[in-house]
Amino acid sequence: MSVTISDIMKLPSLSGASIAAGLKGMNRTISAISVMESSDEEGLGIKFQGQSNYYGQEIIITAFMAARDDVNKQCAAIRRLQQGGEVGIIVFYVGSILRCLVQRVIDLADQLEIPMIVMPEKRLELRYGDVICEVMGAIVEDRHKNTYFVTEIIDRISHIHASQRSINSVFSIIRDRVQCSIYLFDELDRNLNSVEWPHGCELPITALLDELNQHDAAESQIEGITLQGKRYYLDRESIHNADTKLNLVIVKEKNNLTVDCCKQIKYILTTYINLWAENYGQLDTKQLVSAIINDEPEKMRRIGDILHLDVESLSCVYFFYSEDDDRDYEHLKQVKNLVKDYIFAYKNNFLVDIFDETIVVFADRTRERIDSDLFGLLQELEQKGFRYRVVSDVVANTTHSVKKSYWLYQQCKKYTPIIFPYKRVVTGAEIAFIHRVKTLFNQHSTVPIFAEELSNELFTEKRELELTNTLETFLLDGDMSITKTAELMFVHKNTIKYRIKCIEEILGYKISKMPVSYDLYIGAALNRINRSI
């Protein structure tokens, strides 16, 4: 049993609070409670590059103080919390610090199934500390009563979004549940992954392991070690994965580490590795690609050094994905080998492998650029029966930016042929544009007024259908080129010139001038999505 959001609603400190949104998430488990007044990196003046901070299952207290006058920032904060695995929000000081909760914020929380608990309005005497004390008291009491946590944690792991389900996330969940430090080493005693309790404590793990080896402690035996005036308790376990043996070390500074607890940790990690981390610990390019996309910088550098790959120079990424549904792993392996053979002639530093159902290519673009040859590569693949599209993106040299690029492409790839039907290669900037248009389309109230007027003036007129198609092709496919648009539409370029002139007469302005051309661009993309439904 674990403490859920429904459970804490019965606490005295939350009497009088109401549920504004997210009723479907009321049975989610709470692991901790935190205060958040800004989740905006720019607002905080901090950049969390190369970090994978997963603090899942927390419930958050906030008054949206840093965003009390900005609904967009409030929505962005909710999305960020949901992406980080947080389970609920308690909103204080509505009607005083936060003037009101607008419906758009409530609707977003409901859509993401994040329970939003609203404290009684206009009550400045209410304190964060009262709620924090009672919620953490309920969590601690539950943990003392229920020492078996395997089922709870595996269930939580299974519900983590694929973008967050990394070994680091699993370590963090276990650490916060048991309040211990966890280290995983390969057969050569190289650190694969680790987390520490409390955060940033920098345990002298090397010295502790030296002492442990001198004690000649057996596996599954708690060993007490005194170092620099502090008492530590350690346990060592082994995990077998395929042909690889991994060494698990668990450390706690208090004398309540038990063999049973360590066995449960081992079982959880073994289950995760077998179900979600195939070949974990084996050092190959597949593991390197996985480490980069899952935002595991330490693991990336370690594998890169062992494989003698200069991963810091890989500043560009290409995602090859199939247009066909009937693909399997053998299909992906064939395409991966064809891509590797094609780019082998370049002098660039390359990394090519499969991640999920995507062929991922990392490249050093400071040397030769392969972008102009991508069309030839796609044509060669098609001749062999493989229809693929490519997303080409220049990313900063951090795993965080690669991960962001990958999951943005995953969210948008089904919309790419709708908005850009003629493009087999799209850029990261175009994927970001697709994401913005998709978001606008899903939030009808935020669609620019200009785009609505454009639809009324031009897109909804049956007699102007060919003008609508021409405008969409000119903006989205033809790069605002008369000649290219004419080629795509199989008409003479003078016909395109005439149609563009007609469109400008209807709208009353030149369509090639900013900023109105950008509004037209958005309007054309919105219209294509709307027509596809």
Protein backbone atom coordinates (compact mmCIF):
# COMPACT_ATOMS: atom_id res chain seq x y z
CA MET A 1 0.00 0.00 0.00
CA SER A 2 1.17 3.57 -0.70
CA VAL A 3 -0.07 7.10 -0.03
CA THR A 4 -2.20 8.44 -2.88
CA ILE A 5 -3.54 11.88 -3.68
CA SER A 6 -6.98 10.71 -2.56
CA ASP A 7 -5.45 9.76 0.79
CA ILE A 8 -3.91 13.16 1.50
CA MET A 9 -7.20 14.92 0.78
CA LYS A 10 -8.33 13.54 4.17
CA LEU A 11 -5.55 15.36 6.06
CA PRO A 12 -6.60 18.28 8.32
CA SER A 13 -4.27 20.72 6.54
CA LEU A 14 -6.17 20.10 3.27
CA SER A 15 -9.67 20.44 4.69
CA GLY A 16 -11.61 22.93 2.63
CA ALA A 17 -9.43 22.32 -0.46
CA SER A 18 -11.15 21.43 -3.73
CA ILE A 19 -10.20 19.41 -6.82
CA ALA A 20 -10.18 21.71 -9.88
CA ALA A 21 -8.83 19.20 -12.41
CA GLY A 22 -7.30 15.77 -12.93
CA LEU A 23 -9.81 13.47 -11.23
CA LYS A 24 -8.45 10.54 -13.27
CA GLY A 25 -5.10 10.82 -11.47
CA MET A 26 -6.36 10.82 -7.89
CA ASN A 27 -5.13 7.28 -7.21
CA ARG A 28 -1.52 8.01 -8.10
CA THR A 29 1.13 7.32 -5.50
CA ILE A 30 3.02 10.17 -3.84
CA SER A 31 6.71 9.70 -2.98
CA ALA A 32 7.46 13.21 -1.69
CA ILE A 33 6.27 16.83 -1.67
CA SER A 34 8.15 19.86 -3.01
CA VAL A 35 7.67 23.59 -3.52
CA MET A 36 7.87 25.08 -7.02
CA GLU A 37 7.62 28.78 -7.76
CA SER A 38 9.42 28.69 -11.10
CA SER A 39 10.25 25.83 -13.47
CA ASP A 40 11.44 28.22 -16.17
CA GLU A 41 15.18 27.92 -16.82
CA GLU A 42 15.31 31.38 -18.36
CA GLY A 43 13.43 32.90 -15.44
CA LEU A 44 15.76 31.20 -12.95
CA GLY A 45 18.83 32.25 -14.89
CA ILE A 46 20.03 28.63 -14.86
CA LYS A 47 20.68 26.18 -17.68
CA PHE A 48 20.42 22.51 -16.73
CA GLN A 49 22.51 21.22 -19.63
CA GLY A 50 23.40 17.57 -19.70
CA GLN A 51 21.29 16.78 -16.64
CA SER A 52 18.60 14.15 -16.34
CA ASN A 53 16.71 15.16 -13.22
CA TYR A 54 13.79 12.83 -12.74
CA TYR A 55 11.94 13.48 -9.49
CA GLY A 56 8.83 11.48 -10.35
CA GLN A 57 5.83 10.91 -8.09
CA GLU A 58 6.18 14.16 -6.16
CA ILE A 59 3.23 16.42 -5.46
CA ILE A 60 4.05 20.08 -5.95
CA ILE A 61 3.01 23.10 -3.87
CA THR A 62 2.89 26.42 -5.73
CA ALA A 63 1.22 29.80 -5.93
CA PHE A 64 2.63 30.35 -9.47
CA MET A 65 4.31 33.39 -7.95
CA ALA A 66 6.83 33.83 -10.78
CA ALA A 67 4.07 33.40 -13.39
CA ARG A 68 1.02 34.85 -11.65
CA ASP A 69 0.36 37.28 -14.53
CA ASP A 70 1.36 34.95 -17.38
CA VAL A 71 -1.00 32.10 -18.29
CA ASN A 72 1.42 30.77 -20.92
CA LYS A 73 4.13 30.33 -18.27
CA GLN A 74 1.66 28.66 -15.92
CA CYS A 75 0.81 26.15 -18.67
CA ALA A 76 4.49 25.66 -19.49
CA ALA A 77 5.22 24.92 -15.82
CA ILE A 78 2.44 22.30 -15.70
CA ARG A 79 3.79 20.62 -18.84
CA ARG A 80 7.31 20.59 -17.44
CA LEU A 81 6.10 19.02 -14.20
CA GLN A 82 4.16 16.37 -16.12
CA GLN A 83 7.19 15.55 -18.27
CA GLY A 84 9.26 15.15 -15.09
CA GLY A 85 6.83 12.57 -13.72
CA GLU A 86 5.21 14.72 -11.03
CA VAL A 87 1.77 13.50 -10.00
CA GLY A 88 -0.16 16.52 -8.74
CA ILE A 89 -0.25 20.21 -7.87
CA ILE A 90 -1.52 22.00 -4.75
CA VAL A 91 -2.28 25.66 -5.54
CA PHE A 92 -2.12 28.18 -2.68
CA TYR A 93 -3.22 31.81 -2.40
CA VAL A 94 -5.76 31.94 -5.23
CA GLY A 95 -7.56 35.29 -5.05
CA SER A 96 -4.60 37.03 -3.43
CA ILE A 97 -1.12 36.31 -4.86
CA LEU A 98 -2.64 34.45 -7.84
CA ARG A 99 -5.69 36.46 -8.87
CA CYS A 100 -7.51 33.45 -10.33
CA LEU A 101 -7.05 30.10 -12.01
CA VAL A 102 -8.05 30.59 -15.62
CA GLN A 103 -9.97 27.86 -17.42
CA ARG A 104 -7.15 27.23 -19.86
CA VAL A 105 -4.82 26.19 -17.02
CA ILE A 106 -7.49 23.95 -15.51
CA ASP A 107 -8.24 22.36 -18.89
CA LEU A 108 -4.54 21.62 -19.47
CA ALA A 109 -4.15 19.94 -16.07
CA ASP A 110 -7.29 17.91 -16.79
CA GLN A 111 -5.99 16.91 -20.23
CA LEU A 112 -2.66 15.77 -18.72
CA GLU A 113 -4.56 14.02 -15.90
CA ILE A 114 -2.64 15.95 -13.25
CA PRO A 115 -4.80 16.50 -10.15
CA MET A 116 -4.93 20.18 -9.25
CA ILE A 117 -5.88 20.77 -5.62
CA VAL A 118 -6.91 24.37 -4.87
CA MET A 119 -6.63 25.61 -1.30
CA PRO A 120 -9.42 27.83 0.07
CA GLU A 121 -9.30 31.16 -1.73
CA LYS A 122 -8.21 34.49 -0.22
CA ARG A 123 -6.61 32.79 2.80
CA LEU A 124 -3.13 34.29 3.24
CA GLU A 125 -2.79 32.73 6.69
CA LEU A 126 -2.51 29.23 5.17
CA ARG A 127 1.04 27.86 5.29
CA TYR A 128 2.97 25.58 2.98
CA GLY A 129 4.68 24.04 6.02
CA ASP A 130 1.47 22.59 7.48
CA VAL A 131 0.71 20.64 4.31
CA ILE A 132 4.33 19.56 3.86
CA CYS A 133 4.52 18.27 7.45
CA GLU A 134 1.32 16.22 7.23
CA VAL A 135 1.93 14.79 3.75
CA MET A 136 5.51 13.70 4.56
CA GLY A 137 4.29 12.31 7.89
CA ALA A 138 1.75 10.14 6.07
CA ILE A 139 4.41 8.94 3.58
CA VAL A 140 6.95 8.06 6.30
CA GLU A 141 4.33 6.25 8.36
CA ASP A 142 3.24 4.23 5.32
CA ARG A 143 6.84 3.23 4.56
CA HIS A 144 7.39 2.03 8.11
CA LYS A 145 4.27 -0.12 7.92
CA ASN A 146 4.91 -1.46 4.41
CA THR A 147 8.50 -2.60 3.98
CA TYR A 148 7.80 -4.52 0.75
CA PHE A 149 8.08 -2.03 -2.13
CA VAL A 150 8.90 -4.17 -5.22
CA THR A 151 5.38 -4.23 -6.69
CA GLU A 152 4.85 -0.52 -6.08
CA ILE A 153 8.10 0.55 -7.77
CA ILE A 154 7.82 -1.78 -10.77
CA ASP A 155 4.29 -0.49 -11.32
CA ARG A 156 5.61 3.08 -11.21
CA ILE A 157 8.37 2.24 -13.69
CA SER A 158 5.86 0.70 -16.09
CA HIS A 159 3.83 3.93 -16.09
CA ILE A 160 6.78 6.24 -16.71
CA HIS A 161 6.72 7.80 -20.17
CA ALA A 162 9.23 6.13 -22.49
CA SER A 163 11.18 9.40 -22.72
CA GLN A 164 11.86 9.23 -18.95
CA ARG A 165 12.19 5.46 -18.43
CA SER A 166 15.98 5.30 -18.14
CA ILE A 167 18.19 3.51 -15.64
CA ASN A 168 18.81 6.90 -13.99
CA SER A 169 15.07 7.34 -13.42
CA VAL A 170 14.78 3.88 -11.88
CA PHE A 171 17.75 4.56 -9.59
CA SER A 172 16.17 7.85 -8.50
CA ILE A 173 12.83 6.20 -7.66
CA ILE A 174 14.53 3.50 -5.57
CA ARG A 175 16.81 6.01 -3.84
CA ASP A 176 13.90 8.22 -2.80
CA ARG A 177 11.92 5.22 -1.54
CA VAL A 178 14.73 3.60 0.49
CA GLN A 179 16.94 6.68 1.12
CA CYS A 180 20.19 5.03 0.16
CA SER A 181 22.96 5.44 -2.42
CA ILE A 182 23.15 2.93 -5.28
CA TYR A 183 26.08 2.14 -7.60
CA LEU A 184 26.24 -0.27 -10.53
CA PHE A 185 29.60 -1.43 -11.90
CA ASP A 186 30.56 -3.67 -14.80
CA GLU A 187 32.96 -6.62 -14.61
CA LEU A 188 35.96 -4.26 -14.93
CA ASP A 189 34.70 -2.17 -11.98
CA ARG A 190 33.73 0.73 -14.24
CA ASN A 191 30.86 2.79 -12.86
CA LEU A 192 27.85 2.36 -15.17
CA ASN A 193 25.29 4.37 -13.20
CA SER A 194 24.90 5.76 -9.70
CA VAL A 195 22.67 7.90 -7.50
CA GLU A 196 23.34 9.22 -4.02
CA TRP A 197 21.26 9.95 -0.96
CA PRO A 198 21.04 12.74 -0.11
CA HIS A 199 21.47 14.49 -3.47
CA GLY A 200 25.00 15.74 -4.05
CA CYS A 201 26.48 14.20 -0.89
CA GLU A 202 29.56 12.94 -2.82
CA LEU A 203 30.16 9.78 -0.83
CA PRO A 204 33.80 8.53 -0.79
CA ILE A 205 32.71 5.43 -2.71
CA THR A 206 36.20 4.45 -3.89
CA ALA A 207 37.55 4.45 -0.33
CA LEU A 208 34.47 2.59 0.91
CA LEU A 209 34.89 -0.12 -1.73
CA ASP A 210 38.59 -0.49 -0.84
CA GLU A 211 37.59 -1.02 2.80
CA LEU A 212 34.83 -3.43 1.77
CA ASN A 213 37.30 -5.51 -0.26
CA GLN A 214 39.69 -5.63 2.69
CA HIS A 215 36.88 -6.90 4.91
CA ASP A 216 36.33 -9.66 2.32
CA ALA A 217 32.57 -9.31 2.82
CA ALA A 218 30.38 -11.97 1.27
CA GLU A 219 27.56 -11.15 -1.14
CA SER A 220 24.21 -10.26 0.46
CA GLN A 221 25.85 -9.41 3.75
CA ILE A 222 25.54 -6.00 5.39
CA GLU A 223 28.98 -4.68 6.33
CA GLY A 224 29.57 -1.69 8.63
CA ILE A 225 32.53 0.56 7.77
CA THR A 226 33.79 3.64 9.63
CA LEU A 227 35.49 6.22 7.44
CA GLN A 228 36.50 9.76 8.35
CA GLY A 229 34.43 9.61 11.51
CA LYS A 230 31.24 8.47 9.76
CA ARG A 231 29.61 5.06 9.90
CA TYR A 232 28.44 3.53 6.61
CA TYR A 233 26.59 0.28 5.91
CA LEU A 234 27.19 -1.46 2.60
CA ASP A 235 25.83 -4.45 0.72
CA ARG A 236 27.13 -5.98 -2.50
CA GLU A 237 24.94 -7.94 -4.95
CA SER A 238 25.53 -9.36 -8.44
CA ILE A 239 23.15 -9.04 -11.40
CA HIS A 240 23.53 -11.28 -14.45
CA ASN A 241 22.40 -9.86 -17.79
CA ALA A 242 22.94 -12.09 -20.84
CA ASP A 243 26.70 -12.79 -20.78
CA THR A 244 27.46 -9.81 -18.58
CA LYS A 245 27.86 -9.71 -14.80
CA LEU A 246 27.03 -6.42 -13.09
CA ASN A 247 28.02 -5.54 -9.52
CA LEU A 248 25.47 -3.66 -7.42
CA VAL A 249 26.64 -1.75 -4.33
CA ILE A 250 24.14 -0.21 -1.89
CA VAL A 251 25.29 2.29 0.75
CA LYS A 252 23.44 3.84 3.68
CA GLU A 253 24.67 6.06 6.49
CA LYS A 254 22.10 4.88 9.02
CA ASN A 255 21.93 1.45 10.58
CA ASN A 256 18.62 0.38 9.05
CA LEU A 257 19.87 -1.19 5.83
CA THR A 258 18.61 -4.76 5.69
CA VAL A 259 19.40 -7.74 3.48
CA ASP A 260 15.70 -7.94 2.55
CA CYS A 261 15.73 -4.32 1.37
CA CYS A 262 18.85 -4.94 -0.75
CA LYS A 263 17.32 -8.07 -2.27
CA GLN A 264 14.26 -6.03 -3.29
CA ILE A 265 16.47 -3.38 -4.91
CA LYS A 266 18.32 -6.11 -6.82
CA TYR A 267 15.04 -7.66 -7.98
CA ILE A 268 13.71 -4.30 -9.24
CA LEU A 269 16.90 -3.52 -11.17
CA THR A 270 17.04 -7.03 -12.64
CA THR A 271 13.42 -6.74 -13.76
CA TYR A 272 14.03 -3.31 -15.32
CA ILE A 273 17.13 -4.48 -17.20
CA ASN A 274 15.39 -7.61 -18.51
CA LEU A 275 12.20 -5.81 -19.60
CA TRP A 276 13.32 -2.35 -20.69
CA ALA A 277 17.10 -2.25 -21.09
CA GLU A 278 18.16 -5.03 -23.42
CA ASN A 279 21.92 -5.70 -23.36
CA TYR A 280 22.46 -3.14 -20.58
CA GLY A 281 26.12 -3.04 -19.59
CA GLN A 282 27.38 -4.34 -22.93
CA LEU A 283 29.54 -1.73 -24.57
CA ASP A 284 28.53 -1.17 -28.19
CA THR A 285 27.26 1.66 -30.39
CA LYS A 286 23.65 0.72 -29.60
CA GLN A 287 24.30 1.39 -25.92
CA LEU A 288 26.06 4.62 -26.81
CA VAL A 289 23.12 5.87 -28.89
CA SER A 290 20.76 4.88 -26.10
CA ALA A 291 22.86 6.76 -23.53
CA ILE A 292 22.83 9.92 -25.65
CA ILE A 293 19.09 9.94 -26.34
CA ASN A 294 18.20 8.94 -22.77
CA ASP A 295 20.26 11.89 -21.50
CA GLU A 296 22.94 9.90 -19.65
CA PRO A 297 26.09 12.01 -20.21
CA GLU A 298 28.41 10.11 -17.86
CA LYS A 299 27.56 6.79 -19.48
CA MET A 300 27.91 8.36 -22.95
CA ARG A 301 31.45 9.59 -22.24
CA ARG A 302 32.50 6.30 -20.66
CA ILE A 303 31.31 4.18 -23.60
CA GLY A 304 32.67 6.71 -26.09
CA ASP A 305 36.13 6.51 -24.50
CA ILE A 306 36.09 2.71 -24.53
CA LEU A 307 34.97 2.61 -28.17
CA HIS A 308 37.48 5.37 -29.07
CA LEU A 309 34.75 7.67 -30.42
CA ASP A 310 34.98 11.44 -30.07
CA VAL A 311 31.36 11.90 -28.97
CA GLU A 312 31.90 15.57 -28.09
CA SER A 313 32.31 16.37 -31.80
CA LEU A 314 28.93 14.86 -32.79
CA SER A 315 27.04 18.13 -33.20
CA CYS A 316 24.43 16.99 -35.72
CA VAL A 317 21.84 14.24 -35.63
CA TYR A 318 19.74 12.58 -38.36
CA PHE A 319 16.63 10.54 -37.57
CA PHE A 320 15.65 8.11 -40.37
CA TYR A 321 12.12 6.75 -39.95
CA SER A 322 10.01 4.50 -42.15
CA GLU A 323 6.86 5.62 -43.96
CA ASP A 324 5.63 2.01 -43.89
CA ASP A 325 3.94 0.26 -40.97
CA ASP A 326 5.09 -3.28 -41.74
CA ARG A 327 8.65 -2.94 -40.45
CA ASP A 328 10.45 -5.27 -38.06
CA TYR A 329 13.91 -5.38 -36.52
CA GLU A 330 15.42 -7.21 -39.51
CA HIS A 331 14.04 -4.46 -41.75
CA LEU A 332 15.68 -1.81 -39.53
CA LYS A 333 19.00 -3.67 -39.51
CA GLN A 334 19.05 -3.78 -43.32
CA VAL A 335 18.39 -0.04 -43.53
CA LYS A 336 21.01 0.69 -40.87
CA ASN A 337 23.65 -1.22 -42.84
CA LEU A 338 22.70 0.54 -46.08
CA VAL A 339 22.97 3.94 -44.39
CA LYS A 340 26.35 3.03 -42.88
CA ASP A 341 27.67 1.85 -46.24
CA TYR A 342 26.45 5.06 -47.94
CA ILE A 343 28.10 7.48 -45.51
CA PHE A 344 31.28 5.41 -45.05
CA ALA A 345 32.98 7.39 -47.83
CA TYR A 346 32.85 10.60 -45.80
CA LYS A 347 35.70 11.60 -43.53
CA ASN A 348 33.35 12.71 -40.77
CA ASN A 349 33.22 11.15 -37.35
CA PHE A 350 29.97 9.12 -37.50
CA LEU A 351 27.87 7.03 -35.16
CA VAL A 352 25.00 4.95 -36.62
CA ASP A 353 22.61 2.60 -34.85
CA ILE A 354 18.96 1.78 -34.08
CA PHE A 355 16.94 3.34 -31.28
CA ASP A 356 13.36 2.06 -30.95
CA GLU A 357 12.16 2.10 -34.59
CA THR A 358 14.47 4.89 -35.73
CA ILE A 359 17.84 4.79 -37.50
CA VAL A 360 19.92 7.41 -35.68
CA VAL A 361 23.01 8.99 -37.24
CA PHE A 362 25.25 11.34 -35.25
CA ALA A 363 27.82 13.30 -37.23
CA ASP A 364 30.56 15.88 -36.96
CA ARG A 365 29.37 18.63 -39.29
CA THR A 366 32.49 20.76 -38.87
CA ARG A 367 33.96 18.61 -41.62
CA GLU A 368 32.03 17.31 -44.65
CA ARG A 369 28.26 17.89 -44.76
CA ILE A 370 26.04 15.12 -46.07
CA ASP A 371 22.81 17.12 -46.16
CA SER A 372 22.88 17.68 -49.91
CA ASP A 373 23.30 13.91 -50.45
CA LEU A 374 20.42 12.88 -48.20
CA PHE A 375 18.03 12.91 -51.15
CA GLY A 376 20.29 10.52 -53.04
CA LEU A 377 20.47 8.24 -50.02
CA LEU A 378 16.68 8.21 -49.65
CA GLN A 379 16.35 7.47 -53.36
CA GLU A 380 18.77 4.56 -53.06
CA LEU A 381 16.82 3.18 -50.08
CA GLU A 382 13.55 3.47 -52.02
CA GLN A 383 15.02 1.57 -54.96
CA LYS A 384 15.65 -1.29 -52.53
CA GLY A 385 12.06 -1.13 -51.23
CA PHE A 386 12.55 1.11 -48.17
CA ARG A 387 10.56 4.37 -48.06
CA TYR A 388 12.07 6.66 -45.44
CA ARG A 389 11.97 10.26 -44.28
CA VAL A 390 14.73 12.12 -42.42
CA VAL A 391 14.82 14.76 -39.72
CA SER A 392 18.11 16.66 -39.78
CA ASP A 393 18.94 18.73 -36.72
CA VAL A 394 21.95 20.63 -35.47
CA VAL A 395 22.12 20.13 -31.71
CA ALA A 396 24.35 21.46 -28.96
CA ASN A 397 26.97 19.09 -27.61
CA THR A 398 24.78 17.87 -24.74
CA THR A 399 22.68 14.77 -24.29
CA HIS A 400 19.88 17.01 -23.02
CA SER A 401 19.52 18.81 -26.37
CA VAL A 402 19.65 15.51 -28.32
CA LYS A 403 16.96 13.99 -26.13
CA LYS A 404 14.77 17.09 -26.57
CA SER A 405 15.23 16.93 -30.35
CA TYR A 406 14.42 13.19 -30.47
CA TRP A 407 11.19 13.37 -28.47
CA LEU A 408 10.05 16.49 -30.33
CA TYR A 409 10.48 14.58 -33.59
CA GLN A 410 8.58 11.59 -32.12
CA GLN A 411 5.65 13.83 -31.18
CA CYS A 412 5.54 15.46 -34.60
CA LYS A 413 6.52 12.81 -37.16
CA LYS A 414 2.94 11.81 -38.01
CA TYR A 415 2.14 15.47 -38.81
CA THR A 416 5.19 15.94 -41.04
CA PRO A 417 3.67 14.42 -44.24
CA ILE A 418 0.48 16.40 -43.55
CA ILE A 419 2.13 19.82 -43.30
CA PHE A 420 5.10 19.10 -45.60
CA PRO A 421 3.86 16.38 -48.00
CA TYR A 422 6.56 17.06 -50.60
CA LYS A 423 9.50 17.08 -48.19
CA ARG A 424 11.34 13.84 -47.48
CA VAL A 425 13.97 15.75 -45.47
CA VAL A 426 12.90 18.23 -42.80
CA THR A 427 15.01 20.26 -40.40
CA GLY A 428 14.85 20.55 -36.66
CA ALA A 429 13.47 24.08 -37.08
CA GLU A 430 10.66 22.73 -39.26
CA ILE A 431 9.87 20.06 -36.64
CA ALA A 432 9.68 22.82 -34.01
CA PHE A 433 7.28 24.70 -36.31
CA ILE A 434 5.12 21.57 -36.71
CA HIS A 435 5.01 21.22 -32.92
CA ARG A 436 3.88 24.82 -32.55
CA VAL A 437 1.17 24.43 -35.19
CA LYS A 438 0.00 21.16 -33.60
CA THR A 439 -0.21 22.90 -30.22
CA LEU A 440 -2.15 25.80 -31.71
CA PHE A 441 -4.54 23.42 -33.42
CA ASN A 442 -5.18 21.53 -30.17
CA GLN A 443 -5.83 24.79 -28.32
CA HIS A 444 -8.46 26.42 -30.51
CA SER A 445 -8.67 29.47 -28.28
CA THR A 446 -5.00 30.30 -28.91
CA VAL A 447 -5.11 30.13 -32.72
CA PRO A 448 -4.03 33.56 -33.97
CA ILE A 449 -6.95 35.76 -34.94
CA PHE A 450 -5.16 36.49 -38.20
CA ALA A 451 -5.20 32.79 -39.12
CA GLU A 452 -8.94 32.65 -38.44
CA GLU A 453 -9.54 35.69 -40.64
CA LEU A 454 -7.39 34.10 -43.32
CA SER A 455 -9.51 30.95 -43.24
CA ASN A 456 -12.69 33.00 -43.55
CA GLU A 457 -11.35 35.10 -46.40
CA LEU A 458 -9.65 32.50 -48.48
CA PHE A 459 -9.59 28.91 -47.26
CA THR A 460 -13.35 28.44 -46.87
CA GLU A 461 -14.26 29.80 -50.31
CA LYS A 462 -14.99 26.88 -52.64
CA ARG A 463 -14.36 29.01 -55.68
CA GLU A 464 -10.86 29.75 -54.36
CA LEU A 465 -9.82 26.12 -53.86
CA GLU A 466 -7.02 26.27 -56.42
CA LEU A 467 -5.84 29.54 -54.86
CA THR A 468 -5.78 27.86 -51.45
CA ASN A 469 -3.73 24.94 -52.80
CA THR A 470 -1.40 27.34 -54.57
CA LEU A 471 -0.85 29.44 -51.44
CA GLU A 472 -0.16 26.35 -49.29
CA THR A 473 2.27 24.92 -51.84
CA PHE A 474 3.99 28.28 -52.37
CA LEU A 475 4.56 28.79 -48.63
CA LEU A 476 5.06 25.31 -47.21
CA ASP A 477 6.54 23.33 -50.09
CA GLY A 478 7.91 25.74 -52.66
CA ASP A 479 10.05 27.88 -50.35
CA MET A 480 8.17 30.93 -51.71
CA SER A 481 9.66 30.28 -55.15
CA ILE A 482 7.43 30.75 -58.22
CA THR A 483 9.48 28.30 -60.28
CA LYS A 484 9.57 25.55 -57.62
CA THR A 485 5.84 25.95 -56.90
CA ALA A 486 5.06 25.63 -60.61
CA GLU A 487 7.13 22.44 -60.81
CA LEU A 488 5.37 20.91 -57.79
CA MET A 489 1.91 21.78 -59.15
CA PHE A 490 2.75 20.81 -62.77
CA VAL A 491 1.65 24.17 -64.20
CA HIS A 492 3.41 27.02 -65.98
CA LYS A 493 5.11 29.53 -63.72
CA ASN A 494 3.02 32.34 -65.24
CA THR A 495 -0.05 30.53 -63.90
CA ILE A 496 1.46 30.61 -60.42
CA LYS A 497 2.26 34.32 -60.82
CA TYR A 498 -1.35 35.02 -61.79
CA ARG A 499 -2.72 33.04 -58.84
CA ILE A 500 -0.39 34.76 -56.37
CA LYS A 501 -1.57 38.11 -57.74
CA CYS A 502 -5.21 37.04 -57.20
CA ILE A 503 -4.45 35.96 -53.62
CA GLU A 504 -2.78 39.28 -52.85
CA GLU A 505 -5.77 41.19 -54.28
CA ILE A 506 -8.14 39.19 -52.03
CA LEU A 507 -6.00 39.67 -48.92
CA GLY A 508 -4.96 43.24 -49.70
CA TYR A 509 -1.20 42.87 -49.12
CA LYS A 510 1.95 41.24 -50.44
CA ILE A 511 2.22 37.69 -49.10
CA SER A 512 6.01 37.67 -49.23
CA LYS A 513 6.51 40.34 -46.57
CA MET A 514 7.06 39.74 -42.87
CA PRO A 515 5.40 39.55 -40.44
CA VAL A 516 2.17 38.86 -42.35
CA SER A 517 3.83 36.07 -44.33
CA TYR A 518 4.49 34.20 -41.06
CA ASP A 519 0.81 34.39 -40.12
CA LEU A 520 -0.05 33.08 -43.57
CA TYR A 521 2.49 30.28 -43.06
CA ILE A 522 0.79 29.25 -39.80
CA GLY A 523 -2.66 29.57 -41.36
CA ALA A 524 -1.72 27.34 -44.29
CA ALA A 525 -0.31 24.65 -41.95
CA LEU A 526 -3.39 24.81 -39.69
CA ASN A 527 -5.60 24.39 -42.72
CA ARG A 528 -3.72 21.26 -43.84
CA ILE A 529 -4.08 19.67 -40.40
CA ASN A 530 -7.77 20.57 -40.27
CA ARG A 531 -8.35 19.07 -43.71
CA SER A 532 -6.60 15.83 -42.75
CA ILE A 533 -8.99 15.05 -39.88
